[in-house]
Amino acid sequence: MTRAVLSLGSNLGDRLAHLRAAVAALGDAVLVVSGVYETPPWGDAEQPAYLNAAVLVADPAATPRDWLERARAAERAAGRVRDPERRFGPRTLDVDVIAVWDAAGEPVLSDDPELTLPHPRAHLRAFVLRPWIDIEPHGRLPGHGWLTDLLNAEPLAGDALELSPRPDLALESTP
């Protein structure tokens, strides 16, 4: 069995519907879903605000590559178009594989350029860490430490203040 944390984000179209569709596409693999946060754009400020969330998933047969394929399938279903000229540009749906653990609970490490694990910039992104804390309050990012320590470290403490919890928006992990 592998377990993974996936980060969801959307800032084009019906943002909430895109996040909900991603959760639905993951189906029975979903264990728990975070709250929804509205966040300023990261990396390219000239775009709309994002809705972000995190999902904890598990599947006895899934490999790390399977999680990547499921993430990409959800993005395609949402009409995601990758713009090679604008790496951090707007998108209907972004699903990132943040971390994966094997059946023994050990973190999976990968330096594959297509699937680097853990995600190489997760420790720098409040919009990944804060929702992840919702679903794993005592979680650790492999190779980096406790999520709460990372979120409160400089320079992320300022970014964390820009996250707006959206309790009026919910993602359902079960029908």
C-alpha atoms as a PDB file:
ATOM      1  CA  MET A   1       0.000   0.000   0.000  1.00  0.00           C
ATOM      2  CA  THR A   2       1.152   3.510  -0.657  1.00  0.00           C
ATOM      3  CA  ARG A   3      -0.135   6.636   0.986  1.00  0.00           C
ATOM      4  CA  ALA A   4       0.301  10.076  -0.520  1.00  0.00           C
ATOM      5  CA  VAL A   5      -0.420  13.738   0.104  1.00  0.00           C
ATOM      6  CA  LEU A   6      -1.680  15.616  -2.927  1.00  0.00           C
ATOM      7  CA  SER A   7      -2.008  19.380  -3.177  1.00  0.00           C
ATOM      8  CA  LEU A   8      -4.945  20.795  -5.152  1.00  0.00           C
ATOM      9  CA  GLY A   9      -5.205  24.298  -6.573  1.00  0.00           C
ATOM     10  CA  SER A  10      -7.432  26.171  -9.005  1.00  0.00           C
ATOM     11  CA  ASN A  11      -7.712  29.801 -10.080  1.00  0.00           C
ATOM     12  CA  LEU A  12      -9.643  29.658 -13.367  1.00  0.00           C
ATOM     13  CA  GLY A  13     -13.312  28.980 -13.991  1.00  0.00           C
ATOM     14  CA  ASP A  14     -15.390  27.420 -11.222  1.00  0.00           C
ATOM     15  CA  ARG A  15     -12.492  26.918  -8.832  1.00  0.00           C
ATOM     16  CA  LEU A  16     -14.458  24.994  -6.226  1.00  0.00           C
ATOM     17  CA  ALA A  17     -16.016  22.691  -8.828  1.00  0.00           C
ATOM     18  CA  HIS A  18     -12.542  21.866 -10.165  1.00  0.00           C
ATOM     19  CA  LEU A  19     -11.306  20.939  -6.678  1.00  0.00           C
ATOM     20  CA  ARG A  20     -14.415  18.859  -6.001  1.00  0.00           C
ATOM     21  CA  ALA A  21     -14.021  17.058  -9.333  1.00  0.00           C
ATOM     22  CA  ALA A  22     -10.409  16.196  -8.452  1.00  0.00           C
ATOM     23  CA  VAL A  23     -11.507  14.718  -5.126  1.00  0.00           C
ATOM     24  CA  ALA A  24     -14.281  12.770  -6.861  1.00  0.00           C
ATOM     25  CA  ALA A  25     -11.822  11.476  -9.485  1.00  0.00           C
ATOM     26  CA  LEU A  26      -9.613  10.068  -6.721  1.00  0.00           C
ATOM     27  CA  GLY A  27     -12.609   8.074  -5.515  1.00  0.00           C
ATOM     28  CA  ASP A  28     -12.182   5.469  -2.792  1.00  0.00           C
ATOM     29  CA  ALA A  29      -8.484   6.285  -2.444  1.00  0.00           C
ATOM     30  CA  VAL A  30      -9.392   9.483  -0.555  1.00  0.00           C
ATOM     31  CA  LEU A  31      -8.914   9.135   3.199  1.00  0.00           C
ATOM     32  CA  VAL A  32      -9.384  12.755   4.246  1.00  0.00           C
ATOM     33  CA  VAL A  33      -9.654  16.192   2.652  1.00  0.00           C
ATOM     34  CA  SER A  34      -8.496  19.489   4.143  1.00  0.00           C
ATOM     35  CA  GLY A  35     -10.409  22.689   4.399  1.00  0.00           C
ATOM     36  CA  VAL A  36     -10.325  25.104   1.481  1.00  0.00           C
ATOM     37  CA  TYR A  37      -8.063  28.166   1.530  1.00  0.00           C
ATOM     38  CA  GLU A  38      -8.065  31.177  -0.744  1.00  0.00           C
ATOM     39  CA  THR A  39      -4.522  32.203  -1.520  1.00  0.00           C
ATOM     40  CA  PRO A  40      -2.738  34.843  -3.539  1.00  0.00           C
ATOM     41  CA  PRO A  41      -0.960  33.562  -6.658  1.00  0.00           C
ATOM     42  CA  TRP A  42       2.535  32.213  -6.154  1.00  0.00           C
ATOM     43  CA  GLY A  43       5.378  32.794  -8.586  1.00  0.00           C
ATOM     44  CA  ASP A  44       3.376  34.979 -10.992  1.00  0.00           C
ATOM     45  CA  ALA A  45       1.312  37.700  -9.303  1.00  0.00           C
ATOM     46  CA  GLU A  46      -0.548  38.708 -12.490  1.00  0.00           C
ATOM     47  CA  GLN A  47      -3.385  36.209 -12.155  1.00  0.00           C
ATOM     48  CA  PRO A  48      -6.502  35.523 -10.041  1.00  0.00           C
ATOM     49  CA  ALA A  49      -6.411  34.166  -6.487  1.00  0.00           C
ATOM     50  CA  TYR A  50      -6.350  30.405  -5.963  1.00  0.00           C
ATOM     51  CA  LEU A  51      -8.444  28.011  -3.989  1.00  0.00           C
ATOM     52  CA  ASN A  52      -6.153  25.384  -2.431  1.00  0.00           C
ATOM     53  CA  ALA A  53      -6.645  22.178  -0.480  1.00  0.00           C
ATOM     54  CA  ALA A  54      -4.781  18.988   0.390  1.00  0.00           C
ATOM     55  CA  VAL A  55      -5.881  15.365   0.157  1.00  0.00           C
ATOM     56  CA  LEU A  56      -4.530  12.283   1.919  1.00  0.00           C
ATOM     57  CA  VAL A  57      -4.958   9.216  -0.282  1.00  0.00           C
ATOM     58  CA  ALA A  58      -4.108   5.527  -0.001  1.00  0.00           C
ATOM     59  CA  ASP A  59      -4.247   2.572  -2.352  1.00  0.00           C
ATOM     60  CA  PRO A  60      -2.768  -0.896  -1.791  1.00  0.00           C
ATOM     61  CA  ALA A  61      -1.697  -1.185  -5.420  1.00  0.00           C
ATOM     62  CA  ALA A  62      -0.624   2.376  -6.262  1.00  0.00           C
ATOM     63  CA  THR A  63       2.945   3.272  -7.054  1.00  0.00           C
ATOM     64  CA  PRO A  64       4.257   6.847  -6.888  1.00  0.00           C
ATOM     65  CA  ARG A  65       3.962   6.970 -10.691  1.00  0.00           C
ATOM     66  CA  ASP A  66       0.288   5.928 -10.372  1.00  0.00           C
ATOM     67  CA  TRP A  67      -0.362   8.933  -8.106  1.00  0.00           C
ATOM     68  CA  LEU A  68       1.241  11.182 -10.726  1.00  0.00           C
ATOM     69  CA  GLU A  69      -0.922   9.657 -13.463  1.00  0.00           C
ATOM     70  CA  ARG A  70      -4.069  10.116 -11.370  1.00  0.00           C
ATOM     71  CA  ALA A  71      -3.087  13.739 -10.729  1.00  0.00           C
ATOM     72  CA  ARG A  72      -2.561  14.373 -14.438  1.00  0.00           C
ATOM     73  CA  ALA A  73      -5.832  12.650 -15.347  1.00  0.00           C
ATOM     74  CA  ALA A  74      -7.728  14.945 -12.956  1.00  0.00           C
ATOM     75  CA  GLU A  75      -5.986  17.974 -14.479  1.00  0.00           C
ATOM     76  CA  ARG A  76      -6.868  16.862 -18.011  1.00  0.00           C
ATOM     77  CA  ALA A  77     -10.490  16.294 -17.007  1.00  0.00           C
ATOM     78  CA  ALA A  78     -10.600  19.890 -15.743  1.00  0.00           C
ATOM     79  CA  GLY A  79      -9.296  21.173 -19.076  1.00  0.00           C
ATOM     80  CA  ARG A  80      -5.824  22.028 -17.782  1.00  0.00           C
ATOM     81  CA  VAL A  81      -3.574  23.444 -20.483  1.00  0.00           C
ATOM     82  CA  ARG A  82       0.124  23.724 -19.674  1.00  0.00           C
ATOM     83  CA  ASP A  83       1.692  26.925 -20.977  1.00  0.00           C
ATOM     84  CA  PRO A  84       5.439  26.312 -21.420  1.00  0.00           C
ATOM     85  CA  GLU A  85       6.010  30.080 -21.492  1.00  0.00           C
ATOM     86  CA  ARG A  86       4.303  30.684 -18.132  1.00  0.00           C
ATOM     87  CA  ARG A  87       5.364  28.009 -15.635  1.00  0.00           C
ATOM     88  CA  PHE A  88       3.487  29.418 -12.623  1.00  0.00           C
ATOM     89  CA  GLY A  89       0.575  30.803 -14.618  1.00  0.00           C
ATOM     90  CA  PRO A  90      -3.160  30.408 -14.042  1.00  0.00           C
ATOM     91  CA  ARG A  91      -4.793  27.021 -14.317  1.00  0.00           C
ATOM     92  CA  THR A  92      -8.146  25.330 -14.033  1.00  0.00           C
ATOM     93  CA  LEU A  93      -6.614  22.640 -11.826  1.00  0.00           C
ATOM     94  CA  ASP A  94      -3.191  21.840 -10.473  1.00  0.00           C
ATOM     95  CA  VAL A  95      -2.654  18.554  -8.633  1.00  0.00           C
ATOM     96  CA  ASP A  96       0.821  18.017  -7.211  1.00  0.00           C
ATOM     97  CA  VAL A  97       2.132  14.842  -5.613  1.00  0.00           C
ATOM     98  CA  ILE A  98       3.772  16.224  -2.483  1.00  0.00           C
ATOM     99  CA  ALA A  99       4.925  13.101  -0.643  1.00  0.00           C
ATOM    100  CA  VAL A 100       4.456   9.336  -0.859  1.00  0.00           C
ATOM    101  CA  TRP A 101       5.009   6.634   1.770  1.00  0.00           C
ATOM    102  CA  ASP A 102       5.421   2.912   1.073  1.00  0.00           C
ATOM    103  CA  ALA A 103       3.565   0.020   2.727  1.00  0.00           C
ATOM    104  CA  ALA A 104       5.986   0.105   5.679  1.00  0.00           C
ATOM    105  CA  GLY A 105       5.310   3.823   6.208  1.00  0.00           C
ATOM    106  CA  GLU A 106       8.717   4.868   4.915  1.00  0.00           C
ATOM    107  CA  PRO A 107       8.912   7.961   2.720  1.00  0.00           C
ATOM    108  CA  VAL A 108       9.547   7.329  -0.955  1.00  0.00           C
ATOM    109  CA  LEU A 109      12.414   9.436  -2.297  1.00  0.00           C
ATOM    110  CA  SER A 110      12.831  10.164  -5.987  1.00  0.00           C
ATOM    111  CA  ASP A 111      15.030  12.515  -7.986  1.00  0.00           C
ATOM    112  CA  ASP A 112      13.220  11.750 -11.248  1.00  0.00           C
ATOM    113  CA  PRO A 113      12.703  15.162 -12.936  1.00  0.00           C
ATOM    114  CA  GLU A 114       9.124  14.170 -13.757  1.00  0.00           C
ATOM    115  CA  LEU A 115       8.314  13.072 -10.178  1.00  0.00           C
ATOM    116  CA  THR A 116      10.666  14.427  -7.532  1.00  0.00           C
ATOM    117  CA  LEU A 117       9.705  13.188  -4.062  1.00  0.00           C
ATOM    118  CA  PRO A 118       9.117  14.803  -1.787  1.00  0.00           C
ATOM    119  CA  HIS A 119       7.990  17.751  -3.893  1.00  0.00           C
ATOM    120  CA  PRO A 120      11.072  19.998  -4.107  1.00  0.00           C
ATOM    121  CA  ARG A 121       9.275  23.248  -3.232  1.00  0.00           C
ATOM    122  CA  ALA A 122       6.603  22.029  -0.779  1.00  0.00           C
ATOM    123  CA  HIS A 123       8.570  23.324   2.211  1.00  0.00           C
ATOM    124  CA  LEU A 124       8.445  26.826   0.689  1.00  0.00           C
ATOM    125  CA  ARG A 125       4.705  26.962   0.035  1.00  0.00           C
ATOM    126  CA  ALA A 126       2.291  27.965   2.767  1.00  0.00           C
ATOM    127  CA  PHE A 127      -0.603  27.028   0.451  1.00  0.00           C
ATOM    128  CA  VAL A 128       0.628  23.415   0.570  1.00  0.00           C
ATOM    129  CA  LEU A 129       1.644  23.237   4.229  1.00  0.00           C
ATOM    130  CA  ARG A 130      -1.415  24.865   5.835  1.00  0.00           C
ATOM    131  CA  PRO A 131      -4.038  22.592   4.225  1.00  0.00           C
ATOM    132  CA  TRP A 132      -1.801  19.575   4.903  1.00  0.00           C
ATOM    133  CA  ILE A 133      -1.770  20.487   8.605  1.00  0.00           C
ATOM    134  CA  ASP A 134      -5.589  20.242   8.522  1.00  0.00           C
ATOM    135  CA  ILE A 135      -5.376  16.564   7.606  1.00  0.00           C
ATOM    136  CA  GLU A 136      -2.165  15.667   9.480  1.00  0.00           C
ATOM    137  CA  PRO A 137      -1.664  18.082  12.396  1.00  0.00           C
ATOM    138  CA  HIS A 138       1.492  16.241  13.465  1.00  0.00           C
ATOM    139  CA  GLY A 139       2.727  15.626   9.935  1.00  0.00           C
ATOM    140  CA  ARG A 140       6.276  15.814   8.697  1.00  0.00           C
ATOM    141  CA  LEU A 141       7.575  16.616   5.239  1.00  0.00           C
ATOM    142  CA  PRO A 142      10.267  13.998   4.581  1.00  0.00           C
ATOM    143  CA  GLY A 143      13.710  15.557   4.651  1.00  0.00           C
ATOM    144  CA  HIS A 144      12.427  18.902   5.953  1.00  0.00           C
ATOM    145  CA  GLY A 145      10.698  18.415   9.298  1.00  0.00           C
ATOM    146  CA  TRP A 146       7.445  19.175  11.065  1.00  0.00           C
ATOM    147  CA  LEU A 147       4.812  20.936   8.973  1.00  0.00           C
ATOM    148  CA  THR A 148       4.043  23.462  11.698  1.00  0.00           C
ATOM    149  CA  ASP A 149       7.725  24.376  12.059  1.00  0.00           C
ATOM    150  CA  LEU A 150       8.047  24.834   8.304  1.00  0.00           C
ATOM    151  CA  LEU A 151       4.916  26.978   8.111  1.00  0.00           C
ATOM    152  CA  ASN A 152       6.100  29.251  10.928  1.00  0.00           C
ATOM    153  CA  ALA A 153       9.653  29.621   9.609  1.00  0.00           C
ATOM    154  CA  GLU A 154      10.844  32.691   7.757  1.00  0.00           C
ATOM    155  CA  PRO A 155       9.910  33.630   5.074  1.00  0.00           C
ATOM    156  CA  LEU A 156       6.751  31.488   5.119  1.00  0.00           C
ATOM    157  CA  ALA A 157       5.259  33.094   8.213  1.00  0.00           C
ATOM    158  CA  GLY A 158       4.298  36.116   6.102  1.00  0.00           C
ATOM    159  CA  ASP A 159       2.856  33.940   3.324  1.00  0.00           C
ATOM    160  CA  ALA A 160       0.799  32.021   5.897  1.00  0.00           C
ATOM    161  CA  LEU A 161      -0.871  35.256   6.985  1.00  0.00           C
ATOM    162  CA  GLU A 162      -2.111  35.765   3.412  1.00  0.00           C
ATOM    163  CA  LEU A 163      -4.021  32.462   3.420  1.00  0.00           C
ATOM    164  CA  SER A 164      -7.742  32.926   3.998  1.00  0.00           C
ATOM    165  CA  PRO A 165      -9.637  29.909   5.335  1.00  0.00           C
ATOM    166  CA  ARG A 166     -12.906  29.446   3.456  1.00  0.00           C
ATOM    167  CA  PRO A 167     -15.157  27.488   5.840  1.00  0.00           C
ATOM    168  CA  ASP A 168     -18.079  28.372   3.542  1.00  0.00           C
ATOM    169  CA  LEU A 169     -16.530  26.106   0.878  1.00  0.00           C
ATOM    170  CA  ALA A 170     -16.264  22.378   1.507  1.00  0.00           C
ATOM    171  CA  LEU A 171     -14.760  19.462  -0.350  1.00  0.00           C
ATOM    172  CA  GLU A 172     -16.385  16.148   0.332  1.00  0.00           C
ATOM    173  CA  SER A 173     -14.279  13.014   0.733  1.00  0.00           C
ATOM    174  CA  THR A 174     -17.344  10.776   0.644  1.00  0.00           C
ATOM    175  CA  PRO A 175     -20.546  11.013  -1.398  1.00  0.00           C
END
